[in-house]
Amino acid sequence: MLERILLDTNMLIYLEDDHVLDANVAKLTRILYDSSDYKIVIHPKSIVEANKIKDERRKSIFLSKILVYKQIENPPNASKEFQELAGYKNENDKIDNELLFAVKQNCVSYFITNDTELQKKSEKIGLKDKVLSIEDAIEKFKIQEKSNIVTPIFINKEYIYQTQIENSFFDSLREDYKGFDEWFKKKQKNNEKAFVTKDKKNEVTSFLMLKVEDEKEKYEEFEKPFKPAKRLKVSTFKVGDTGKRIGETFIKIIIETARKEKVDEIYITIFPKHNFLIDLFKQYGFEYYTYKNTENAEGQINKEYILVKNMKDKSYYPFIKLDNQNIFIIPIQPPYHKLLFPEAVKEFQIKISDYEGMDAASNAIKKAYISNSVIKKIKSGDILLFYASQDRKAITALGVVDNTFNTFDSIEDITNLVRKRTAYDDNELRDSADTDSLVIMFKHYMCFSEDIDFQYLITNGIVNGYIQCPTEITKEGFINIINKNNGDKEFFEIKM
């Protein structure tokens, strides 16, 4: 929901006078202007104050600039009781109190001023949390700034106006949706962004656009309209560059965005003909909710499904219900660790293949691990903690087992099962795998925000020796690991 920020007259002078901005004022201005969450407004009384400027040229320039800002319409007048509570010595004090009264009446979310007297008044009348100094505002709004979603290097988040609508990539969308080009151009004019992959000719090969909707959004076109809630809409999802698991990377981006935006639900509209895409979303907790009728370029009406993921339901990816699963630490050598879990590697040399997204196992959520250990009891639902051996000697990533296999007729059977989901190439598979190898198909859920190093594991009794093969640990040991990574606790629901 858009929050309105009221600026004191002195703040407006800082911004609009003809002098170089103070560094903190410049920083705060960038935060407010760059954000889609805040809107700067002014109080009509600030114009009254501005008219008191004696230098006519300076007054004329200042007034011409501040009138660009939207004014609070018909703000309530401060009552006599409020004026007396806040205190005043002259008419200027009364005007200041009018601005504070607008805050009290929730005309705005916050009031920014560097007037120390006004700040003292705000504390006296119970508005301290809403009346901020420049430094306070920087700290508060900096915390609320959205952190960037980490994406592979071959996926760019860019302004839609950098994409040519005439690109043939969009032909199928033009056919399915009447007025698609006009809708797209509107998004371009609104400076909206999308996650995009392009080929060497700079032609679009994959495209993902998201939109956060608040409780005021209407859904009358749905056969069963949504109830008010904060949602993330998957506006456009198309992958033309197949075989690289980009669709799974897009799923990660969608869910991570929903988590950071703290939405209640995610939804996407999909035509029934896209069976593969429907199946993909269902694997990550999306369920059929209702449908709507959509007109295509030929004027025909087609039914479009609405699939919804409830972000409060921790039964599905990326959340983990810790019950009675077995938990194993899985050692993995550095080159394979880097390929399977690139997000866990802080610094590494970028290859050409990274720019082209050629390492499908890096992009995928569903990955494969091959073990020749005698331990074969790993099963569906078990938790895997991946331990970067040799160099880092630390747990960095977590996965949950989908399926395991350990009886094959040939190495080719293994290759066909794990292709593009394992760190091994075909030659390495032939050299390393046996027909009785344990093949673990798992979903990669997360990379820990903080490594859990070997010394911590030993000191806390989680392991009692070197980790050279899959090593089972207790539920208590795993909870210890979760508690160490306080920032990751939201991913877990623990049943004791």
Protein backbone atom coordinates (compact mmCIF):
# COMPACT_ATOMS: atom_id res chain seq x y z
CA MET A 1 0.00 0.00 0.00
CA LEU A 2 1.33 3.44 -0.99
CA GLU A 3 2.46 5.46 2.05
CA ARG A 4 2.28 9.25 1.94
CA ILE A 5 5.24 11.14 3.36
CA LEU A 6 4.70 14.74 4.52
CA LEU A 7 7.69 17.06 4.27
CA ASP A 8 8.19 20.06 6.54
CA THR A 9 8.57 23.43 4.81
CA ASN A 10 12.25 23.53 5.81
CA MET A 11 12.74 20.11 4.18
CA LEU A 12 11.18 21.41 0.99
CA ILE A 13 13.60 24.34 1.05
CA TYR A 14 16.48 21.84 1.36
CA LEU A 15 15.21 20.03 -1.72
CA GLU A 16 14.11 22.86 -3.95
CA ASP A 17 16.40 25.80 -3.14
CA ASP A 18 19.23 26.64 -5.55
CA HIS A 19 22.12 25.11 -3.62
CA VAL A 20 23.96 21.78 -3.55
CA LEU A 21 22.07 19.16 -1.54
CA ASP A 22 23.44 17.92 1.75
CA ALA A 23 24.57 14.26 1.38
CA ASN A 24 21.89 12.93 3.76
CA VAL A 25 19.14 14.93 2.08
CA ALA A 26 20.27 13.59 -1.30
CA LYS A 27 20.28 10.03 0.04
CA LEU A 28 16.79 10.33 1.52
CA THR A 29 15.51 11.92 -1.70
CA ARG A 30 16.80 8.97 -3.75
CA ILE A 31 15.09 6.48 -1.42
CA LEU A 32 11.75 8.29 -1.62
CA TYR A 33 11.84 9.01 -5.36
CA ASP A 34 13.06 5.56 -6.38
CA SER A 35 10.51 3.69 -4.29
CA SER A 36 7.06 2.69 -5.50
CA ASP A 37 5.95 2.46 -1.84
CA TYR A 38 6.11 6.16 -0.90
CA LYS A 39 4.63 9.38 -2.23
CA ILE A 40 5.81 12.83 -1.12
CA VAL A 41 2.99 15.24 -0.26
CA ILE A 42 2.83 18.76 1.13
CA HIS A 43 0.42 20.51 3.48
CA PRO A 44 -1.40 23.62 2.15
CA LYS A 45 -0.02 25.50 5.18
CA SER A 46 3.49 25.04 3.75
CA ILE A 47 2.44 27.25 0.85
CA VAL A 48 1.21 29.83 3.37
CA GLU A 49 4.65 29.74 5.01
CA ALA A 50 6.41 29.94 1.65
CA ASN A 51 4.54 33.12 0.85
CA LYS A 52 6.27 34.75 3.82
CA ILE A 53 9.67 34.57 2.06
CA LYS A 54 10.74 38.22 1.68
CA ASP A 55 13.02 37.83 -1.36
CA GLU A 56 10.47 37.93 -4.22
CA ARG A 57 12.68 36.14 -6.76
CA ARG A 58 13.55 33.35 -4.31
CA LYS A 59 9.90 33.05 -3.27
CA SER A 60 8.73 32.81 -6.87
CA ILE A 61 11.26 30.08 -7.70
CA PHE A 62 10.46 28.11 -4.55
CA LEU A 63 6.68 28.26 -5.03
CA SER A 64 6.97 27.17 -8.67
CA LYS A 65 8.88 24.06 -7.53
CA ILE A 66 6.86 22.94 -4.52
CA LEU A 67 3.57 23.20 -6.42
CA VAL A 68 4.77 20.14 -8.34
CA TYR A 69 4.06 18.05 -5.23
CA LYS A 70 0.55 16.80 -4.51
CA GLN A 71 -1.15 18.64 -1.65
CA ILE A 72 -3.18 17.01 1.11
CA GLU A 73 -6.75 17.73 0.10
CA ASN A 74 -8.91 19.45 2.72
CA PRO A 75 -6.72 18.57 5.72
CA PRO A 76 -8.55 18.73 9.07
CA ASN A 77 -7.99 21.87 11.11
CA ALA A 78 -6.20 21.40 14.42
CA SER A 79 -8.61 21.69 17.31
CA LYS A 80 -8.12 24.28 20.04
CA GLU A 81 -7.35 21.46 22.48
CA PHE A 82 -4.64 20.07 20.17
CA GLN A 83 -3.06 23.50 19.69
CA GLU A 84 -2.89 23.97 23.45
CA LEU A 85 -1.51 20.46 23.99
CA ALA A 86 1.23 20.98 21.40
CA GLY A 87 1.88 24.54 22.56
CA TYR A 88 2.53 27.70 20.55
CA LYS A 89 4.04 31.14 20.91
CA ASN A 90 3.17 32.64 17.54
CA GLU A 91 1.40 32.00 14.22
CA ASN A 92 4.34 30.01 12.84
CA ASP A 93 4.00 27.59 15.76
CA LYS A 94 0.31 27.22 15.01
CA ILE A 95 1.08 26.32 11.39
CA ASP A 96 3.60 23.72 12.58
CA ASN A 97 0.91 22.27 14.82
CA GLU A 98 -1.43 21.99 11.83
CA LEU A 99 1.14 19.75 10.15
CA LEU A 100 1.42 17.62 13.28
CA PHE A 101 -2.39 17.36 13.44
CA ALA A 102 -2.42 15.97 9.89
CA VAL A 103 -0.11 13.21 11.15
CA LYS A 104 -2.35 12.56 14.17
CA GLN A 105 -5.40 12.23 11.88
CA ASN A 106 -3.52 9.74 9.64
CA CYS A 107 -3.64 11.97 6.56
CA VAL A 108 -0.04 10.82 6.09
CA SER A 109 2.07 7.93 7.33
CA TYR A 110 5.14 9.95 8.31
CA PHE A 111 6.27 13.56 8.71
CA ILE A 112 9.92 14.41 8.02
CA THR A 113 11.45 17.49 9.67
CA ASN A 114 14.80 18.58 10.99
CA ASP A 115 13.19 21.12 13.32
CA THR A 116 14.23 19.93 16.80
CA GLU A 117 11.36 21.81 18.44
CA LEU A 118 8.83 19.97 16.28
CA GLN A 119 10.52 16.67 17.16
CA LYS A 120 10.22 17.48 20.87
CA LYS A 121 6.54 18.35 20.39
CA SER A 122 5.90 15.07 18.60
CA GLU A 123 7.20 13.16 21.62
CA LYS A 124 5.01 15.17 23.98
CA ILE A 125 1.84 14.50 21.97
CA GLY A 126 2.54 10.80 21.29
CA LEU A 127 3.65 11.04 17.64
CA LYS A 128 7.37 10.35 18.06
CA ASP A 129 7.31 7.22 15.85
CA LYS A 130 5.72 9.12 12.97
CA VAL A 131 7.74 12.34 13.09
CA LEU A 132 11.24 11.64 11.79
CA SER A 133 14.47 13.54 11.37
CA ILE A 134 16.33 13.15 8.06
CA GLU A 135 18.67 10.61 9.68
CA ASP A 136 15.78 8.69 11.26
CA ALA A 137 13.95 8.60 7.93
CA ILE A 138 17.00 7.27 6.08
CA GLU A 139 17.38 4.48 8.61
CA LYS A 140 13.69 3.59 8.61
CA PHE A 141 13.12 3.62 4.87
CA LYS A 142 16.46 1.96 4.16
CA ILE A 143 15.30 -1.03 6.23
CA GLN A 144 12.10 -1.17 4.19
CA GLU A 145 13.89 -1.03 0.83
CA LYS A 146 13.43 -4.26 -1.12
CA SER A 147 16.60 -6.26 -1.39
CA ASN A 148 17.45 -7.50 -4.86
CA ILE A 149 16.46 -11.00 -5.88
CA VAL A 150 19.62 -12.96 -6.66
CA THR A 151 19.43 -14.39 -10.19
CA PRO A 152 21.87 -16.31 -12.40
CA ILE A 153 24.09 -14.04 -14.45
CA PHE A 154 22.29 -14.91 -17.72
CA ILE A 155 18.95 -13.61 -16.39
CA ASN A 156 18.61 -9.83 -16.27
CA LYS A 157 16.00 -7.78 -14.50
CA GLU A 158 15.53 -4.87 -16.84
CA TYR A 159 13.06 -2.19 -17.84
CA ILE A 160 10.48 -3.49 -20.30
CA TYR A 161 11.19 -0.56 -22.60
CA GLN A 162 14.51 -2.27 -23.34
CA THR A 163 12.53 -5.04 -25.06
CA GLN A 164 11.12 -4.71 -28.59
CA ILE A 165 7.42 -5.61 -28.60
CA GLU A 166 7.74 -6.56 -32.29
CA ASN A 167 9.96 -9.51 -31.30
CA SER A 168 8.47 -12.77 -32.65
CA PHE A 169 8.87 -14.25 -29.15
CA PHE A 170 5.63 -12.46 -28.21
CA ASP A 171 3.59 -13.74 -31.19
CA SER A 172 1.86 -16.50 -29.20
CA LEU A 173 0.91 -14.00 -26.48
CA ARG A 174 -0.46 -11.62 -29.12
CA GLU A 175 -2.62 -14.46 -30.46
CA ASP A 176 -3.89 -15.54 -27.02
CA TYR A 177 -4.65 -12.08 -25.62
CA LYS A 178 -6.57 -9.38 -27.46
CA GLY A 179 -4.82 -6.02 -27.03
CA PHE A 180 -1.55 -7.57 -25.82
CA ASP A 181 0.61 -4.96 -27.57
CA GLU A 182 -1.32 -2.06 -26.06
CA TRP A 183 -1.06 -3.64 -22.60
CA PHE A 184 2.69 -4.16 -23.06
CA LYS A 185 3.26 -0.57 -24.20
CA LYS A 186 1.38 0.66 -21.14
CA LYS A 187 3.76 -1.35 -18.95
CA GLN A 188 6.71 0.18 -20.81
CA LYS A 189 5.41 3.68 -20.12
CA ASN A 190 5.01 2.81 -16.44
CA ASN A 191 8.74 1.94 -16.29
CA GLU A 192 7.98 -1.61 -15.19
CA LYS A 193 10.61 -4.35 -15.16
CA ALA A 194 10.82 -8.02 -16.09
CA PHE A 195 13.27 -10.90 -15.75
CA VAL A 196 14.59 -11.60 -19.25
CA THR A 197 16.99 -13.91 -21.07
CA LYS A 198 18.29 -13.02 -24.53
CA ASP A 199 20.36 -14.75 -27.17
CA LYS A 200 23.53 -13.52 -28.87
CA LYS A 201 21.43 -11.45 -31.28
CA ASN A 202 19.76 -9.73 -28.32
CA GLU A 203 16.45 -11.46 -29.10
CA VAL A 204 14.24 -12.36 -26.13
CA THR A 205 14.25 -16.07 -25.29
CA SER A 206 12.49 -16.10 -21.88
CA PHE A 207 10.37 -13.52 -20.08
CA LEU A 208 8.94 -13.24 -16.57
CA MET A 209 6.96 -10.25 -15.31
CA LEU A 210 5.52 -9.95 -11.80
CA LYS A 211 3.08 -7.55 -10.17
CA VAL A 212 2.34 -6.98 -6.48
CA GLU A 213 -1.37 -6.35 -5.85
CA ASP A 214 -2.85 -4.97 -2.64
CA GLU A 215 -6.14 -5.58 -0.84
CA LYS A 216 -7.95 -3.06 -3.06
CA GLU A 217 -7.44 -5.06 -6.26
CA LYS A 218 -10.68 -6.20 -7.94
CA TYR A 219 -11.19 -9.62 -9.54
CA GLU A 220 -14.72 -9.39 -10.99
CA GLU A 221 -13.67 -11.23 -14.16
CA PHE A 222 -12.92 -14.38 -12.14
CA GLU A 223 -15.73 -16.97 -11.93
CA LYS A 224 -15.04 -17.00 -8.16
CA PRO A 225 -13.43 -13.67 -7.17
CA PHE A 226 -10.59 -13.55 -4.64
CA LYS A 227 -11.13 -12.20 -1.16
CA PRO A 228 -9.07 -9.07 -0.29
CA ALA A 229 -5.40 -9.93 0.35
CA LYS A 230 -1.91 -8.92 -0.69
CA ARG A 231 -0.90 -11.02 -3.71
CA LEU A 232 1.86 -11.50 -6.25
CA LYS A 233 0.54 -11.90 -9.78
CA VAL A 234 2.62 -13.73 -12.38
CA SER A 235 1.68 -11.39 -15.22
CA THR A 236 3.76 -13.04 -17.93
CA PHE A 237 5.66 -16.34 -17.87
CA LYS A 238 7.12 -17.68 -21.09
CA VAL A 239 10.25 -19.76 -21.66
CA GLY A 240 11.35 -20.19 -25.26
CA ASP A 241 14.91 -21.27 -24.49
CA THR A 242 14.08 -24.83 -23.42
CA GLY A 243 16.42 -27.46 -22.01
CA LYS A 244 18.16 -25.15 -19.53
CA ARG A 245 15.65 -25.48 -16.66
CA ILE A 246 14.92 -21.73 -16.88
CA GLY A 247 11.32 -22.43 -15.92
CA GLU A 248 12.51 -23.75 -12.55
CA THR A 249 14.74 -20.70 -12.11
CA PHE A 250 11.69 -18.51 -12.76
CA ILE A 251 9.76 -20.47 -10.11
CA LYS A 252 12.57 -19.70 -7.62
CA ILE A 253 12.41 -16.00 -8.54
CA ILE A 254 8.61 -15.92 -8.18
CA ILE A 255 8.60 -17.53 -4.75
CA GLU A 256 11.56 -15.51 -3.48
CA THR A 257 9.84 -12.30 -4.62
CA ALA A 258 6.62 -13.35 -2.86
CA ARG A 259 8.56 -14.07 0.32
CA LYS A 260 10.39 -10.74 0.29
CA GLU A 261 7.19 -8.83 -0.50
CA LYS A 262 5.39 -10.69 2.32
CA VAL A 263 2.35 -11.52 0.18
CA ASP A 264 -0.42 -13.88 1.27
CA GLU A 265 -0.77 -15.62 -2.08
CA ILE A 266 0.76 -15.97 -5.54
CA TYR A 267 -1.42 -16.56 -8.58
CA ILE A 268 -1.04 -17.17 -12.29
CA THR A 269 -3.56 -17.47 -15.12
CA ILE A 270 -2.85 -20.35 -17.56
CA PHE A 271 -4.72 -21.76 -20.54
CA PRO A 272 -5.51 -25.50 -20.19
CA LYS A 273 -3.46 -26.25 -23.32
CA HIS A 274 -0.26 -25.53 -21.36
CA ASN A 275 -0.26 -28.87 -19.53
CA PHE A 276 3.48 -28.92 -18.89
CA LEU A 277 3.43 -25.47 -17.29
CA ILE A 278 0.41 -26.34 -15.14
CA ASP A 279 2.19 -29.50 -13.92
CA LEU A 280 5.33 -27.48 -13.16
CA PHE A 281 3.47 -24.99 -10.96
CA LYS A 282 1.54 -27.72 -9.17
CA GLN A 283 4.84 -29.32 -8.12
CA TYR A 284 5.55 -26.19 -6.05
CA GLY A 285 2.24 -25.87 -4.21
CA PHE A 286 0.03 -24.09 -6.77
CA GLU A 287 -3.55 -25.36 -6.89
CA TYR A 288 -6.50 -24.76 -9.20
CA TYR A 289 -8.80 -22.09 -7.72
CA THR A 290 -11.17 -20.89 -10.44
CA TYR A 291 -11.20 -19.69 -14.06
CA LYS A 292 -11.90 -16.62 -16.15
CA ASN A 293 -12.90 -16.08 -19.77
CA THR A 294 -10.30 -14.40 -21.98
CA GLU A 295 -10.74 -12.97 -25.48
CA ASN A 296 -8.03 -13.74 -28.03
CA ALA A 297 -6.88 -11.76 -31.09
CA GLU A 298 -9.58 -13.43 -33.23
CA GLY A 299 -12.34 -12.44 -30.84
CA GLN A 300 -12.84 -15.96 -29.52
CA ILE A 301 -13.46 -16.53 -25.80
CA ASN A 302 -11.27 -19.13 -24.09
CA LYS A 303 -11.26 -20.40 -20.54
CA GLU A 304 -8.15 -19.56 -18.53
CA TYR A 305 -7.33 -21.35 -15.26
CA ILE A 306 -6.27 -19.46 -12.13
CA LEU A 307 -3.69 -21.36 -10.06
CA VAL A 308 -2.93 -20.12 -6.53
CA LYS A 309 -0.14 -20.78 -4.03
CA ASN A 310 -0.89 -19.97 -0.39
CA MET A 311 2.30 -18.52 1.12
CA LYS A 312 1.00 -19.14 4.64
CA ASP A 313 0.81 -22.89 4.01
CA LYS A 314 4.22 -24.28 4.97
CA SER A 315 3.50 -27.71 3.50
CA TYR A 316 5.21 -26.87 0.22
CA TYR A 317 8.46 -25.47 -1.19
CA PRO A 318 10.27 -23.36 -0.01
CA PHE A 319 9.05 -24.20 3.50
CA ILE A 320 10.01 -27.35 5.38
CA LYS A 321 7.99 -29.20 8.00
CA LEU A 322 10.43 -30.89 10.35
CA ASP A 323 8.75 -33.96 11.75
CA ASN A 324 10.32 -37.42 11.83
CA GLN A 325 12.43 -37.35 8.67
CA ASN A 326 15.99 -38.59 8.66
CA ILE A 327 18.62 -35.88 8.24
CA PHE A 328 21.92 -36.47 6.44
CA ILE A 329 25.03 -34.38 5.86
CA ILE A 330 26.19 -35.01 2.29
CA PRO A 331 29.81 -34.18 1.39
CA ILE A 332 30.35 -32.64 -2.04
CA GLN A 333 33.62 -31.67 -3.72
CA PRO A 334 34.28 -28.00 -4.64
CA PRO A 335 33.75 -28.08 -8.45
CA TYR A 336 30.48 -29.98 -8.12
CA HIS A 337 29.36 -27.83 -5.19
CA LYS A 338 29.85 -24.72 -7.30
CA LEU A 339 27.84 -26.16 -10.17
CA LEU A 340 24.92 -27.49 -8.12
CA PHE A 341 24.69 -24.56 -5.69
CA PRO A 342 26.04 -21.41 -7.40
CA GLU A 343 24.11 -19.17 -4.97
CA ALA A 344 26.22 -20.56 -2.10
CA VAL A 345 29.50 -19.57 -3.76
CA LYS A 346 30.40 -16.02 -2.74
CA GLU A 347 33.10 -15.43 -5.35
CA PHE A 348 34.09 -17.48 -8.35
CA GLN A 349 35.44 -16.99 -11.85
CA ILE A 350 32.64 -16.54 -14.37
CA LYS A 351 32.71 -18.77 -17.47
CA ILE A 352 31.15 -18.21 -20.90
CA SER A 353 28.65 -20.95 -20.08
CA ASP A 354 27.48 -18.94 -17.04
CA TYR A 355 26.47 -16.04 -19.32
CA GLU A 356 24.58 -18.42 -21.60
CA GLY A 357 22.89 -20.42 -18.83
CA MET A 358 24.27 -23.67 -20.23
CA ASP A 359 24.71 -25.41 -16.86
CA ALA A 360 21.15 -26.71 -16.49
CA ALA A 361 21.85 -28.30 -13.10
CA SER A 362 22.74 -24.85 -11.74
CA ASN A 363 19.41 -23.43 -12.90
CA ALA A 364 17.21 -26.30 -11.71
CA ILE A 365 15.39 -26.65 -8.40
CA LYS A 366 15.18 -30.40 -8.90
CA LYS A 367 18.71 -31.82 -8.84
CA ALA A 368 20.40 -35.20 -8.61
CA TYR A 369 23.19 -36.52 -6.37
CA ILE A 370 24.94 -39.86 -6.92
CA SER A 371 26.45 -41.72 -3.98
CA ASN A 372 28.55 -44.87 -3.96
CA SER A 373 28.41 -45.07 -0.18
CA VAL A 374 27.25 -48.24 1.53
CA ILE A 375 24.56 -46.11 3.20
CA LYS A 376 21.41 -46.73 1.19
CA LYS A 377 18.63 -45.86 3.65
CA ILE A 378 18.04 -42.31 2.42
CA LYS A 379 14.39 -42.07 1.35
CA SER A 380 11.72 -39.68 0.08
CA GLY A 381 11.13 -36.73 2.44
CA ASP A 382 14.54 -36.93 4.13
CA ILE A 383 16.53 -33.72 4.57
CA LEU A 384 19.96 -33.34 2.98
CA LEU A 385 22.54 -30.84 4.26
CA PHE A 386 25.24 -30.35 1.64
CA TYR A 387 28.74 -30.02 3.04
CA ALA A 388 31.34 -28.28 0.86
CA SER A 389 34.40 -30.45 1.50
CA GLN A 390 38.14 -29.76 1.09
CA ASP A 391 38.09 -25.96 0.88
CA ARG A 392 35.20 -24.46 2.88
CA LYS A 393 34.51 -27.47 5.10
CA ALA A 394 31.03 -26.19 5.89
CA ILE A 395 27.36 -26.92 5.35
CA THR A 396 26.07 -24.42 2.78
CA ALA A 397 22.84 -25.76 1.24
CA LEU A 398 19.73 -27.78 2.02
CA GLY A 399 17.62 -30.12 -0.09
CA VAL A 400 14.67 -32.46 0.44
CA VAL A 401 14.59 -35.90 -1.19
CA ASP A 402 11.93 -36.55 -3.86
CA ASN A 403 12.95 -40.11 -4.78
CA THR A 404 15.89 -42.50 -4.57
CA PHE A 405 16.99 -45.29 -6.94
CA ASN A 406 19.74 -47.88 -6.50
CA THR A 407 19.09 -50.66 -9.01
CA PHE A 408 19.89 -50.05 -12.67
CA ASP A 409 20.42 -52.27 -15.69
CA SER A 410 23.08 -49.98 -17.15
CA ILE A 411 24.94 -46.69 -16.68
CA GLU A 412 22.85 -45.31 -19.56
CA ASP A 413 19.76 -45.75 -17.39
CA ILE A 414 21.41 -43.54 -14.75
CA THR A 415 22.44 -41.00 -17.36
CA ASN A 416 18.91 -40.76 -18.75
CA LEU A 417 17.50 -40.28 -15.24
CA VAL A 418 19.83 -37.54 -14.03
CA ARG A 419 20.77 -35.73 -17.26
CA LYS A 420 20.84 -31.93 -16.78
CA ARG A 421 20.18 -32.31 -13.05
CA THR A 422 23.57 -33.55 -11.87
CA ALA A 423 27.00 -31.96 -11.51
CA TYR A 424 28.51 -34.84 -13.53
CA ASP A 425 28.77 -34.81 -17.30
CA ASP A 426 28.22 -38.06 -19.26
CA ASN A 427 31.89 -39.05 -19.17
CA GLU A 428 32.14 -38.51 -15.42
CA LEU A 429 28.98 -40.56 -14.92
CA ARG A 430 30.48 -43.48 -16.81
CA ASP A 431 33.64 -43.26 -14.70
CA SER A 432 31.97 -42.71 -11.32
CA ALA A 433 28.59 -44.44 -11.28
CA ASP A 434 27.79 -48.13 -10.87
CA THR A 435 24.54 -49.97 -11.51
CA ASP A 436 24.07 -50.18 -7.72
CA SER A 437 24.90 -46.50 -7.04
CA LEU A 438 22.38 -44.60 -4.94
CA VAL A 439 20.80 -41.90 -7.10
CA ILE A 440 19.08 -39.24 -5.00
CA MET A 441 16.61 -36.96 -6.77
CA PHE A 442 16.01 -33.91 -4.56
CA LYS A 443 14.69 -30.37 -4.56
CA HIS A 444 17.15 -27.66 -3.62
CA TYR A 445 15.33 -25.56 -1.03
CA MET A 446 17.87 -23.02 0.17
CA CYS A 447 21.44 -21.90 0.66
CA PHE A 448 22.08 -20.99 4.28
CA SER A 449 22.64 -17.31 5.01
CA GLU A 450 25.62 -18.34 7.17
CA ASP A 451 27.90 -21.35 6.64
CA ILE A 452 27.92 -23.99 9.39
CA ASP A 453 31.57 -24.91 9.55
CA PHE A 454 33.12 -28.20 10.62
CA GLN A 455 34.42 -26.78 13.90
CA TYR A 456 30.90 -25.72 14.90
CA LEU A 457 29.56 -29.18 14.06
CA ILE A 458 32.25 -30.84 16.20
CA THR A 459 32.07 -28.38 19.12
CA ASN A 460 28.30 -28.75 19.38
CA GLY A 461 28.33 -32.53 19.12
CA ILE A 462 26.41 -32.57 15.82
CA VAL A 463 29.09 -34.85 14.29
CA ASN A 464 31.90 -36.71 16.00
CA GLY A 465 34.38 -37.09 13.16
CA TYR A 466 35.33 -36.16 9.60
CA ILE A 467 32.51 -36.04 7.03
CA GLN A 468 33.64 -38.33 4.21
CA CYS A 469 30.33 -40.01 3.30
CA PRO A 470 26.61 -39.38 3.96
CA THR A 471 26.40 -38.86 7.73
CA GLU A 472 23.14 -39.03 9.63
CA ILE A 473 22.54 -36.49 12.40
CA THR A 474 19.82 -36.11 15.01
CA LYS A 475 16.80 -33.87 14.87
CA GLU A 476 18.25 -31.95 17.85
CA GLY A 477 21.48 -31.42 15.93
CA PHE A 478 19.55 -30.07 12.96
CA ILE A 479 17.53 -27.70 15.19
CA ASN A 480 20.88 -26.44 16.54
CA ILE A 481 21.90 -25.64 12.94
CA ILE A 482 18.60 -23.84 12.29
CA ASN A 483 19.02 -21.78 15.47
CA LYS A 484 22.51 -20.75 14.41
CA ASN A 485 21.05 -19.34 11.18
CA ASN A 486 18.46 -17.09 12.76
CA GLY A 487 17.64 -15.40 9.45
CA ASP A 488 16.58 -18.73 7.93
CA LYS A 489 14.15 -19.77 10.70
CA GLU A 490 11.10 -18.62 8.73
CA PHE A 491 11.60 -21.54 6.33
CA PHE A 492 10.99 -24.17 9.01
CA GLU A 493 7.98 -25.44 10.89
CA ILE A 494 9.18 -27.75 13.64
CA LYS A 495 6.99 -30.45 15.13
CA MET A 496 8.41 -31.56 18.47
